[in-house]
């Protein structure tokens, strides 16, 4: 018999079990980690602060 294809999280390679995770394509833990990373600057990113002209 054919078994349904197991969908895995691209972040940790664990199987996605809930309908919500399957719909999003990512597990809840990896989703939270990704959200944190989106809000932090890259280590290699150059930060420039411009002073206002008076």
Protein backbone atom coordinates (compact mmCIF):
# COMPACT_ATOMS: atom_id res chain seq x y z
CA UNK A 1 0.00 0.00 0.00
CA UNK A 2 1.06 3.58 -0.59
CA UNK A 3 1.80 5.56 2.53
CA UNK A 4 1.24 9.32 2.47
CA UNK A 5 4.45 11.24 1.93
CA UNK A 6 5.93 12.49 5.20
CA UNK A 7 6.41 16.27 5.13
CA UNK A 8 9.44 17.42 7.11
CA UNK A 9 10.46 20.78 8.53
CA UNK A 10 13.19 22.40 6.40
CA UNK A 11 14.89 23.75 9.54
CA UNK A 12 15.28 20.60 11.63
CA UNK A 13 14.18 17.79 9.28
CA UNK A 14 11.60 16.51 11.77
CA UNK A 15 8.22 15.33 10.50
CA UNK A 16 5.44 17.90 10.54
CA UNK A 17 2.42 16.48 12.34
CA UNK A 18 -0.16 19.22 12.87
CA UNK A 19 -2.30 20.54 10.05
CA UNK A 20 -1.19 24.07 10.92
CA UNK A 21 2.52 23.21 10.62
CA UNK A 22 1.95 21.30 7.39
CA UNK A 23 0.08 24.28 5.93
CA UNK A 24 2.92 26.65 6.92
CA UNK A 25 5.61 24.20 5.85
CA UNK A 26 7.64 24.71 9.03
CA UNK A 27 7.49 23.44 12.61
CA UNK A 28 6.52 25.72 15.51
CA UNK A 29 9.98 25.75 17.17
CA UNK A 30 11.79 26.53 13.92
CA UNK A 31 9.20 29.19 13.12
CA UNK A 32 9.94 30.98 16.42
CA UNK A 33 13.70 30.72 15.80
CA UNK A 34 13.24 32.15 12.32
CA UNK A 35 11.19 35.07 13.67
CA UNK A 36 13.98 35.91 16.13
CA UNK A 37 16.58 35.81 13.35
CA UNK A 38 14.54 38.13 11.14
CA UNK A 39 14.67 40.84 13.82
CA UNK A 40 18.43 40.63 14.40
CA UNK A 41 21.04 42.15 12.09
CA UNK A 42 23.53 39.86 10.36
CA UNK A 43 26.95 39.52 11.99
CA UNK A 44 28.53 40.62 8.71
CA UNK A 45 26.11 43.47 8.17
CA UNK A 46 27.67 46.92 8.32
CA UNK A 47 25.82 49.42 10.48
CA UNK A 48 26.05 53.10 9.62
CA UNK A 49 24.74 55.89 11.77
CA UNK A 50 24.25 59.21 10.02
CA UNK A 51 24.41 62.47 11.93
CA UNK A 52 21.82 65.10 11.19
CA UNK A 53 23.04 68.24 9.44
CA UNK A 54 22.28 71.43 11.31
